[in-house]
């Protein structure tokens, strides 16, 4: 239990941030899964579109502080390699 008013506020804002971060990370995971499915099935044009969506979502998550920038860069790099291998 928080002992001060500011600690109570931080607890409330932390809970709101946790919910928001959870939804953003869930969206990232679903986008990545869709992209990987397209790469596996060999749909290259659709996979390229999904890659652009994935990188855009990753960049937004990094900008918001949900994901560390190095993790975002690493993900984008590895996903791009998979797209190149598929082509």
N, C-alpha and C. Protein backbone atom coordinates (compact mmCIF):
# COMPACT_ATOMS: atom_id res chain seq x y z
N UNK A 1 0.83 -1.19 0.00
CA UNK A 1 0.00 0.00 0.00
C UNK A 1 0.87 1.25 0.00
N UNK A 2 0.48 2.23 -0.80
CA UNK A 2 1.25 3.47 -0.84
C UNK A 2 1.06 4.28 0.44
N UNK A 3 2.12 4.97 0.83
CA UNK A 3 2.08 5.74 2.07
C UNK A 3 1.77 7.22 1.83
N UNK A 4 1.98 7.71 0.64
CA UNK A 4 1.78 9.14 0.36
C UNK A 4 0.84 9.31 -0.82
N UNK A 5 0.37 10.58 -0.99
CA UNK A 5 -0.52 10.87 -2.11
C UNK A 5 0.18 10.66 -3.44
N UNK A 6 1.43 11.08 -3.50
CA UNK A 6 2.15 10.94 -4.77
C UNK A 6 2.37 9.47 -5.11
N UNK A 7 2.57 8.64 -4.09
CA UNK A 7 2.73 7.22 -4.33
C UNK A 7 1.42 6.60 -4.85
N UNK A 8 0.29 7.10 -4.34
CA UNK A 8 -1.01 6.63 -4.83
C UNK A 8 -1.19 7.00 -6.29
N UNK A 9 -0.82 8.23 -6.64
CA UNK A 9 -0.94 8.67 -8.03
C UNK A 9 -0.05 7.85 -8.94
N UNK A 10 1.17 7.60 -8.49
CA UNK A 10 2.10 6.81 -9.30
C UNK A 10 1.57 5.38 -9.50
N UNK A 11 0.90 4.88 -8.48
CA UNK A 11 0.34 3.54 -8.59
C UNK A 11 -0.77 3.51 -9.63
N UNK A 12 -1.61 4.54 -9.64
CA UNK A 12 -2.70 4.61 -10.62
C UNK A 12 -2.15 4.78 -12.03
N UNK A 13 -1.21 5.69 -12.20
CA UNK A 13 -0.67 5.91 -13.55
C UNK A 13 0.11 4.69 -14.02
N UNK A 14 0.78 4.02 -13.10
CA UNK A 14 1.50 2.80 -13.46
C UNK A 14 0.57 1.72 -13.95
N UNK A 15 -0.59 1.62 -13.31
CA UNK A 15 -1.57 0.61 -13.73
C UNK A 15 -2.11 0.94 -15.12
N UNK A 16 -2.35 2.23 -15.39
CA UNK A 16 -2.83 2.64 -16.72
C UNK A 16 -1.77 2.36 -17.78
N UNK A 17 -0.54 2.69 -17.47
CA UNK A 17 0.55 2.45 -18.42
C UNK A 17 0.71 0.96 -18.69
N UNK A 18 0.57 0.15 -17.65
CA UNK A 18 0.72 -1.30 -17.81
C UNK A 18 -0.33 -1.84 -18.78
N UNK A 19 -1.57 -1.37 -18.66
CA UNK A 19 -2.63 -1.81 -19.56
C UNK A 19 -2.32 -1.39 -21.00
N UNK A 20 -1.88 -0.14 -21.16
CA UNK A 20 -1.58 0.35 -22.50
C UNK A 20 -0.42 -0.41 -23.12
N UNK A 21 0.64 -0.61 -22.35
CA UNK A 21 1.81 -1.33 -22.85
C UNK A 21 1.44 -2.76 -23.23
N UNK A 22 0.57 -3.36 -22.43
CA UNK A 22 0.15 -4.74 -22.71
C UNK A 22 -0.57 -4.81 -24.06
N UNK A 23 -1.45 -3.85 -24.32
CA UNK A 23 -2.18 -3.87 -25.59
C UNK A 23 -1.26 -3.62 -26.77
N UNK A 24 -0.29 -2.73 -26.62
CA UNK A 24 0.65 -2.45 -27.70
C UNK A 24 1.51 -3.68 -28.00
N UNK A 25 2.00 -4.33 -26.94
CA UNK A 25 2.83 -5.52 -27.14
C UNK A 25 2.02 -6.66 -27.76
N UNK A 26 0.76 -6.77 -27.37
CA UNK A 26 -0.10 -7.80 -27.95
C UNK A 26 -0.30 -7.54 -29.44
N UNK A 27 -0.49 -6.28 -29.81
CA UNK A 27 -0.65 -5.94 -31.22
C UNK A 27 0.63 -6.26 -31.99
N UNK A 28 1.78 -5.97 -31.41
CA UNK A 28 3.04 -6.27 -32.07
C UNK A 28 3.19 -7.77 -32.31
N UNK A 29 2.83 -8.55 -31.32
CA UNK A 29 2.94 -10.00 -31.46
C UNK A 29 2.02 -10.52 -32.55
N UNK A 30 0.80 -10.00 -32.62
CA UNK A 30 -0.13 -10.47 -33.64
C UNK A 30 0.33 -10.05 -35.04
N UNK A 31 0.87 -8.83 -35.17
CA UNK A 31 1.39 -8.40 -36.47
C UNK A 31 2.56 -9.26 -36.90
N UNK A 32 3.43 -9.59 -35.95
CA UNK A 32 4.59 -10.42 -36.27
C UNK A 32 4.14 -11.82 -36.70
N UNK A 33 3.15 -12.35 -36.03
CA UNK A 33 2.65 -13.68 -36.38
C UNK A 33 2.05 -13.68 -37.78
N UNK A 34 1.27 -12.65 -38.11
CA UNK A 34 0.69 -12.55 -39.45
C UNK A 34 1.80 -12.47 -40.50
N UNK A 35 2.81 -11.66 -40.23
CA UNK A 35 3.93 -11.50 -41.16
C UNK A 35 4.65 -12.83 -41.37
N UNK A 36 4.94 -13.53 -40.29
CA UNK A 36 5.66 -14.80 -40.41
C UNK A 36 4.83 -15.84 -41.16
N UNK A 37 3.52 -15.83 -40.96
CA UNK A 37 2.67 -16.76 -41.70
C UNK A 37 2.73 -16.47 -43.19
N UNK A 38 2.72 -15.19 -43.55
CA UNK A 38 2.80 -14.83 -44.97
C UNK A 38 4.15 -15.23 -45.57
N UNK A 39 5.22 -15.06 -44.80
CA UNK A 39 6.54 -15.44 -45.28
C UNK A 39 6.61 -16.95 -45.48
N UNK A 40 6.06 -17.70 -44.53
CA UNK A 40 6.10 -19.16 -44.61
C UNK A 40 5.32 -19.69 -45.81
N UNK A 41 4.19 -19.06 -46.11
CA UNK A 41 3.38 -19.52 -47.22
C UNK A 41 3.90 -19.04 -48.57
N UNK A 42 4.84 -18.09 -48.56
CA UNK A 42 5.45 -17.63 -49.81
C UNK A 42 4.72 -16.49 -50.50
N UNK A 43 3.86 -15.80 -49.80
CA UNK A 43 3.16 -14.65 -50.37
C UNK A 43 4.03 -13.41 -50.18
N UNK A 44 4.90 -13.16 -51.15
CA UNK A 44 5.95 -12.16 -50.98
C UNK A 44 5.42 -10.73 -50.97
N UNK A 45 4.49 -10.43 -51.88
CA UNK A 45 3.98 -9.05 -51.94
C UNK A 45 3.21 -8.70 -50.67
N UNK A 46 2.38 -9.63 -50.23
CA UNK A 46 1.61 -9.40 -49.00
C UNK A 46 2.52 -9.35 -47.79
N UNK A 47 3.59 -10.15 -47.82
CA UNK A 47 4.55 -10.13 -46.72
C UNK A 47 5.28 -8.79 -46.66
N UNK A 48 5.57 -8.20 -47.83
CA UNK A 48 6.23 -6.90 -47.86
C UNK A 48 5.34 -5.83 -47.24
N UNK A 49 4.04 -5.89 -47.54
CA UNK A 49 3.09 -4.94 -46.94
C UNK A 49 3.02 -5.15 -45.43
N UNK A 50 2.97 -6.41 -45.02
CA UNK A 50 2.91 -6.72 -43.59
C UNK A 50 4.20 -6.29 -42.89
N UNK A 51 5.33 -6.38 -43.59
CA UNK A 51 6.61 -5.94 -43.01
C UNK A 51 6.58 -4.44 -42.75
N UNK A 52 6.04 -3.68 -43.69
CA UNK A 52 5.94 -2.23 -43.50
C UNK A 52 5.05 -1.89 -42.31
N UNK A 53 3.94 -2.62 -42.18
CA UNK A 53 3.05 -2.40 -41.03
C UNK A 53 3.76 -2.74 -39.72
N UNK A 54 4.51 -3.83 -39.74
CA UNK A 54 5.21 -4.28 -38.54
C UNK A 54 6.28 -3.27 -38.12
N UNK A 55 7.05 -2.78 -39.09
CA UNK A 55 8.11 -1.82 -38.75
C UNK A 55 7.51 -0.51 -38.26
N UNK A 56 6.40 -0.11 -38.85
CA UNK A 56 5.75 1.12 -38.41
C UNK A 56 5.27 0.98 -36.97
N UNK A 57 4.65 -0.14 -36.66
CA UNK A 57 4.16 -0.38 -35.29
C UNK A 57 5.32 -0.46 -34.31
N UNK A 58 6.42 -1.09 -34.73
CA UNK A 58 7.60 -1.17 -33.86
C UNK A 58 8.17 0.21 -33.58
N UNK A 59 8.27 1.03 -34.63
CA UNK A 59 8.81 2.38 -34.44
C UNK A 59 7.93 3.20 -33.51
N UNK A 60 6.63 3.05 -33.62
CA UNK A 60 5.72 3.77 -32.73
C UNK A 60 5.87 3.29 -31.29
N UNK A 61 6.05 1.99 -31.11
CA UNK A 61 6.21 1.44 -29.77
C UNK A 61 7.52 1.92 -29.16
N UNK A 62 8.56 2.02 -29.98
CA UNK A 62 9.85 2.52 -29.49
C UNK A 62 9.72 3.99 -29.11
N UNK A 63 9.03 4.75 -29.95
CA UNK A 63 8.85 6.18 -29.69
C UNK A 63 8.09 6.42 -28.39
N UNK A 64 7.12 5.53 -28.11
CA UNK A 64 6.31 5.67 -26.90
C UNK A 64 7.01 5.11 -25.67
N UNK A 65 8.13 4.40 -25.87
CA UNK A 65 8.87 3.85 -24.74
C UNK A 65 8.37 2.49 -24.29
N UNK A 66 7.54 1.86 -25.11
CA UNK A 66 7.03 0.54 -24.75
C UNK A 66 8.10 -0.51 -24.98
N UNK A 67 8.88 -0.33 -26.05
CA UNK A 67 9.92 -1.27 -26.42
C UNK A 67 11.23 -0.50 -26.51
N UNK A 68 12.33 -1.12 -26.09
CA UNK A 68 13.64 -0.50 -26.17
C UNK A 68 14.05 -0.35 -27.63
N UNK A 69 14.74 0.72 -27.96
CA UNK A 69 15.05 0.99 -29.36
C UNK A 69 15.94 -0.08 -29.97
N UNK A 70 16.80 -0.66 -29.20
CA UNK A 70 17.66 -1.71 -29.76
C UNK A 70 16.87 -2.98 -30.06
N UNK A 71 15.89 -3.27 -29.22
CA UNK A 71 15.05 -4.43 -29.49
C UNK A 71 14.25 -4.20 -30.77
N UNK A 72 13.76 -2.98 -30.96
CA UNK A 72 13.03 -2.65 -32.18
C UNK A 72 13.91 -2.80 -33.41
N UNK A 73 15.13 -2.29 -33.35
CA UNK A 73 16.05 -2.41 -34.47
C UNK A 73 16.38 -3.87 -34.76
N UNK A 74 16.59 -4.64 -33.71
CA UNK A 74 16.93 -6.06 -33.88
C UNK A 74 15.77 -6.82 -34.54
N UNK A 75 14.55 -6.55 -34.09
CA UNK A 75 13.38 -7.20 -34.66
C UNK A 75 13.24 -6.86 -36.15
N UNK A 76 13.36 -5.56 -36.47
CA UNK A 76 13.22 -5.14 -37.85
C UNK A 76 14.27 -5.79 -38.74
N UNK A 77 15.49 -5.87 -38.24
CA UNK A 77 16.57 -6.48 -39.01
C UNK A 77 16.30 -7.95 -39.27
N UNK A 78 15.90 -8.67 -38.26
CA UNK A 78 15.67 -10.11 -38.42
C UNK A 78 14.47 -10.40 -39.31
N UNK A 79 13.45 -9.57 -39.20
CA UNK A 79 12.28 -9.77 -40.05
C UNK A 79 12.61 -9.44 -41.51
N UNK A 80 13.44 -8.43 -41.72
CA UNK A 80 13.85 -8.07 -43.08
C UNK A 80 14.67 -9.20 -43.70
N UNK A 81 15.52 -9.83 -42.92
CA UNK A 81 16.31 -10.95 -43.43
C UNK A 81 15.40 -12.09 -43.88
N UNK A 82 14.36 -12.34 -43.13
CA UNK A 82 13.45 -13.41 -43.50
C UNK A 82 12.71 -13.08 -44.79
N UNK A 83 12.41 -11.81 -44.99
CA UNK A 83 11.73 -11.39 -46.22
C UNK A 83 12.66 -11.55 -47.41
N UNK A 84 13.93 -11.20 -47.24
CA UNK A 84 14.91 -11.34 -48.30
C UNK A 84 15.10 -12.81 -48.66
N UNK A 85 15.17 -13.67 -47.64
CA UNK A 85 15.34 -15.10 -47.90
C UNK A 85 14.14 -15.67 -48.64
N UNK A 86 12.95 -15.15 -48.35
CA UNK A 86 11.74 -15.64 -49.02
C UNK A 86 11.75 -15.25 -50.49
N UNK A 87 12.33 -14.10 -50.81
CA UNK A 87 12.36 -13.64 -52.21
C UNK A 87 13.46 -14.37 -52.91
